N, C-alpha and C. Protein backbone atom coordinates (compact mmCIF):
# COMPACT_ATOMS: atom_id res chain seq x y z
N MET A 1 18.95 -43.81 -16.79
CA MET A 1 18.68 -42.66 -17.61
C MET A 1 17.12 -42.35 -17.77
N THR A 2 16.90 -41.07 -18.05
CA THR A 2 15.57 -40.39 -17.87
C THR A 2 15.20 -40.41 -19.52
N LEU A 3 13.86 -40.47 -19.64
CA LEU A 3 13.33 -40.63 -21.37
C LEU A 3 13.77 -39.00 -22.03
N HIS A 4 13.75 -38.26 -21.33
CA HIS A 4 13.75 -36.81 -21.94
C HIS A 4 15.33 -36.45 -22.21
N LYS A 5 16.08 -37.31 -21.73
CA LYS A 5 17.80 -36.95 -21.93
C LYS A 5 18.10 -38.41 -22.97
N ALA A 6 17.36 -39.13 -23.28
CA ALA A 6 17.80 -39.88 -24.33
C ALA A 6 18.03 -39.56 -25.79
N PRO A 7 17.51 -38.39 -25.97
CA PRO A 7 17.59 -37.90 -27.40
C PRO A 7 18.84 -36.97 -27.59
N ALA A 8 19.05 -36.47 -26.45
CA ALA A 8 20.79 -35.84 -26.55
C ALA A 8 21.52 -36.34 -26.60
N VAL A 9 21.81 -37.55 -25.69
CA VAL A 9 22.50 -38.39 -25.43
C VAL A 9 23.10 -39.19 -26.95
N LEU A 10 22.07 -39.74 -27.52
CA LEU A 10 21.71 -40.51 -28.87
C LEU A 10 21.98 -39.57 -29.95
N GLY A 11 21.51 -38.30 -30.01
CA GLY A 11 21.39 -37.77 -31.00
C GLY A 11 22.90 -36.71 -31.32
N VAL A 12 23.55 -36.52 -30.24
CA VAL A 12 24.62 -35.81 -30.84
C VAL A 12 25.60 -36.67 -31.37
N PRO A 13 26.18 -37.98 -30.60
CA PRO A 13 27.04 -38.82 -31.50
C PRO A 13 26.55 -38.85 -32.99
N LEU A 14 24.90 -39.48 -32.91
CA LEU A 14 24.58 -39.54 -34.30
C LEU A 14 24.79 -38.62 -35.47
N GLY A 15 24.33 -37.18 -34.76
CA GLY A 15 24.50 -36.34 -35.49
C GLY A 15 26.18 -35.83 -36.26
N VAL A 16 26.97 -36.22 -35.28
CA VAL A 16 28.36 -36.03 -35.52
C VAL A 16 28.98 -37.20 -36.62
N ALA A 17 28.28 -38.10 -36.57
CA ALA A 17 28.60 -39.60 -37.45
C ALA A 17 27.94 -39.37 -39.09
N LEU A 18 26.60 -38.67 -38.42
CA LEU A 18 25.92 -38.57 -39.62
C LEU A 18 26.59 -37.33 -41.03
N HIS A 19 27.17 -36.16 -40.36
CA HIS A 19 27.64 -35.06 -40.45
C HIS A 19 28.86 -35.85 -41.58
N GLY A 20 29.55 -36.68 -40.73
CA GLY A 20 30.96 -36.99 -41.56
C GLY A 20 30.51 -37.73 -42.79
N TRP A 21 29.14 -38.26 -42.74
CA TRP A 21 28.95 -39.03 -43.82
C TRP A 21 28.17 -38.20 -45.00
N VAL A 22 27.25 -37.41 -44.62
CA VAL A 22 26.18 -36.65 -45.35
C VAL A 22 27.19 -35.74 -46.48
N ILE A 23 27.96 -35.05 -45.52
CA ILE A 23 28.62 -34.04 -46.30
C ILE A 23 29.40 -34.24 -47.35
N PRO A 24 30.27 -35.31 -47.02
CA PRO A 24 31.09 -35.94 -48.44
C PRO A 24 30.17 -36.44 -49.40
N ALA A 25 29.12 -37.09 -49.25
CA ALA A 25 28.11 -37.61 -50.20
C ALA A 25 27.49 -36.41 -50.98
N THR A 26 27.23 -35.40 -50.34
CA THR A 26 26.34 -34.24 -50.90
C THR A 26 27.38 -33.90 -51.98
N GLY A 27 28.90 -33.39 -51.64
CA GLY A 27 29.65 -32.93 -52.59
C GLY A 27 30.33 -33.90 -53.81
N GLU A 28 30.18 -35.28 -53.52
CA GLU A 28 29.99 -36.09 -54.44
C GLU A 28 28.79 -36.03 -55.45
N GLY A 29 27.68 -35.96 -55.05
CA GLY A 29 26.74 -35.69 -55.61
C GLY A 29 26.71 -34.54 -56.65
N VAL A 30 27.47 -33.52 -56.49
CA VAL A 30 27.46 -32.56 -57.70
C VAL A 30 29.01 -32.38 -58.08
N GLY A 31 29.61 -33.49 -57.69
CA GLY A 31 30.78 -33.64 -58.14
C GLY A 31 32.11 -32.79 -57.91
N LEU A 32 31.72 -32.28 -56.38
CA LEU A 32 33.07 -31.95 -55.68
C LEU A 32 33.32 -32.40 -54.68
N ARG A 33 34.93 -32.55 -54.41
CA ARG A 33 35.63 -33.19 -53.21
C ARG A 33 35.70 -31.84 -52.22
N PHE A 34 35.05 -31.89 -51.12
CA PHE A 34 35.44 -31.31 -50.12
C PHE A 34 36.74 -31.18 -49.15
N PRO A 35 37.50 -30.77 -48.82
CA PRO A 35 38.58 -30.61 -48.14
C PRO A 35 38.16 -31.44 -46.87
N ASP A 36 39.20 -31.99 -46.15
CA ASP A 36 38.88 -32.23 -44.77
C ASP A 36 38.68 -31.38 -43.74
N SER A 37 39.25 -29.83 -43.94
CA SER A 37 38.69 -28.94 -43.03
C SER A 37 36.95 -28.68 -42.85
N VAL A 38 36.48 -29.03 -44.41
CA VAL A 38 35.11 -28.87 -44.24
C VAL A 38 34.40 -30.09 -43.93
N VAL A 39 34.85 -31.22 -43.52
CA VAL A 39 33.93 -32.04 -43.33
C VAL A 39 34.23 -32.43 -41.96
N ALA A 40 35.51 -32.08 -41.49
CA ALA A 40 36.01 -32.59 -39.92
C ALA A 40 36.08 -31.38 -39.34
N VAL A 41 34.56 -30.62 -39.01
CA VAL A 41 34.38 -29.40 -37.98
C VAL A 41 34.29 -29.70 -36.54
N HIS A 42 34.03 -31.05 -36.33
CA HIS A 42 33.73 -31.34 -35.08
C HIS A 42 34.73 -32.19 -34.33
N ARG A 43 35.12 -31.27 -33.22
CA ARG A 43 36.16 -32.03 -32.54
C ARG A 43 35.52 -32.58 -31.15
N ALA A 44 36.19 -33.45 -30.44
CA ALA A 44 35.85 -34.22 -29.33
C ALA A 44 36.07 -32.98 -28.26
N ALA A 45 37.34 -32.32 -28.28
CA ALA A 45 37.70 -31.22 -27.30
C ALA A 45 36.67 -30.17 -27.38
N ALA A 46 35.90 -29.68 -28.43
CA ALA A 46 35.23 -28.98 -28.38
C ALA A 46 33.66 -29.06 -28.22
N LEU A 47 33.11 -30.65 -28.76
CA LEU A 47 31.76 -30.79 -28.22
C LEU A 47 31.76 -30.74 -26.71
N PHE A 48 32.99 -30.91 -25.86
CA PHE A 48 32.61 -31.35 -24.57
C PHE A 48 32.31 -29.81 -23.80
N PRO A 49 33.05 -28.94 -24.06
CA PRO A 49 32.36 -27.85 -23.36
C PRO A 49 31.24 -27.21 -23.95
N LEU A 50 30.63 -27.54 -25.06
CA LEU A 50 29.40 -27.35 -25.73
C LEU A 50 28.27 -28.18 -24.69
N GLY A 51 28.71 -29.20 -24.77
CA GLY A 51 27.87 -30.30 -23.86
C GLY A 51 27.74 -29.48 -22.31
N LEU A 52 28.54 -29.41 -21.97
CA LEU A 52 28.40 -28.59 -20.72
C LEU A 52 27.97 -27.41 -20.60
N GLY A 53 27.98 -26.53 -21.48
CA GLY A 53 27.06 -25.56 -21.44
C GLY A 53 25.54 -25.82 -21.88
N GLY A 54 25.35 -26.70 -22.65
CA GLY A 54 23.77 -27.44 -22.43
C GLY A 54 23.25 -27.68 -21.43
N LEU A 55 24.20 -28.34 -20.37
CA LEU A 55 23.89 -28.97 -18.95
C LEU A 55 23.40 -27.56 -18.18
N LEU A 56 24.47 -26.81 -18.25
CA LEU A 56 24.11 -25.51 -17.56
C LEU A 56 22.75 -24.79 -18.22
N ILE A 57 22.73 -24.70 -19.31
CA ILE A 57 21.48 -24.09 -19.65
C ILE A 57 20.20 -24.82 -19.05
N VAL A 58 20.39 -26.24 -19.29
CA VAL A 58 19.12 -26.82 -18.73
C VAL A 58 18.66 -26.58 -17.14
N VAL A 59 19.95 -26.52 -16.55
CA VAL A 59 19.78 -26.53 -14.83
C VAL A 59 19.35 -25.05 -14.67
N VAL A 60 19.69 -23.86 -15.37
CA VAL A 60 19.59 -22.56 -15.07
C VAL A 60 17.79 -22.58 -15.39
N GLY A 61 17.62 -22.98 -16.61
CA GLY A 61 15.94 -23.04 -17.01
C GLY A 61 15.35 -23.71 -16.35
N ALA A 62 15.50 -24.57 -15.42
CA ALA A 62 14.68 -25.52 -14.49
C ALA A 62 14.63 -24.80 -13.36
N LEU A 63 15.65 -24.10 -12.81
CA LEU A 63 15.62 -23.31 -11.77
C LEU A 63 14.51 -22.13 -11.14
N LEU A 64 14.16 -21.57 -12.21
CA LEU A 64 13.21 -20.19 -11.92
C LEU A 64 11.78 -21.36 -11.65
N PRO A 65 11.17 -22.32 -12.72
CA PRO A 65 9.96 -22.92 -12.03
C PRO A 65 10.21 -23.60 -10.84
N ALA A 66 11.51 -24.27 -10.42
CA ALA A 66 11.39 -24.94 -9.32
C ALA A 66 11.63 -23.87 -8.18
N VAL A 67 12.13 -22.83 -8.04
CA VAL A 67 12.04 -22.02 -7.25
C VAL A 67 10.74 -21.40 -6.77
N ARG A 68 10.06 -21.09 -7.93
CA ARG A 68 8.33 -20.42 -7.63
C ARG A 68 7.51 -21.62 -7.40
N ALA A 69 7.88 -22.98 -7.68
CA ALA A 69 7.11 -24.02 -7.18
C ALA A 69 7.31 -24.18 -5.87
N ASP A 70 8.41 -24.07 -5.13
CA ASP A 70 8.85 -24.22 -3.71
C ASP A 70 8.26 -23.09 -3.07
N GLY A 71 7.76 -21.69 -3.40
CA GLY A 71 7.14 -20.98 -2.86
C GLY A 71 5.94 -21.15 -2.76
N ALA A 72 5.25 -21.77 -3.54
CA ALA A 72 3.67 -21.93 -3.80
C ALA A 72 3.26 -22.91 -2.59
N ARG A 73 2.08 -22.87 -2.71
CA ARG A 73 1.55 -24.00 -1.88
C ARG A 73 1.30 -25.15 -2.94
N THR A 74 1.21 -26.42 -2.41
CA THR A 74 1.14 -27.81 -3.30
C THR A 74 -0.21 -27.70 -4.53
N ALA A 75 -1.25 -27.53 -3.76
CA ALA A 75 -2.28 -27.22 -4.90
C ALA A 75 -2.37 -26.12 -5.84
N THR A 76 -1.73 -25.16 -5.65
CA THR A 76 -1.54 -24.11 -6.38
C THR A 76 -0.54 -24.73 -7.65
N ALA A 77 0.28 -24.96 -7.20
CA ALA A 77 1.49 -25.47 -7.90
C ALA A 77 1.12 -26.64 -8.82
N LEU A 78 0.32 -27.35 -8.45
CA LEU A 78 -0.09 -28.90 -9.25
C LEU A 78 -1.15 -27.93 -10.27
N ARG A 79 -1.79 -27.02 -9.79
CA ARG A 79 -2.94 -26.76 -10.51
C ARG A 79 -2.34 -25.70 -11.84
N THR A 80 -1.08 -25.07 -12.02
CA THR A 80 -0.77 -24.51 -12.69
C THR A 80 0.39 -25.23 -13.58
N GLU A 81 0.57 -26.32 -13.12
CA GLU A 81 1.28 -27.24 -13.97
C GLU A 81 0.88 -27.72 -15.21
């Protein structure tokens, strides 16, 4: 795994776990108990397509610079980076 993927791979599960801990703690801090429908908003079935959508955005976002660099001379591509 490369270094730039580590925050997403670690951050998404950590964010989901923290959400389940922080939201109830916030409610208890002000004297409220949130219903489960407020706390349990992330489902694995919904997170999987979102992850795939994120990967699609990354690939499409990397495609334009890659195509542009492919058509340029090596020295020009390295100079503009």
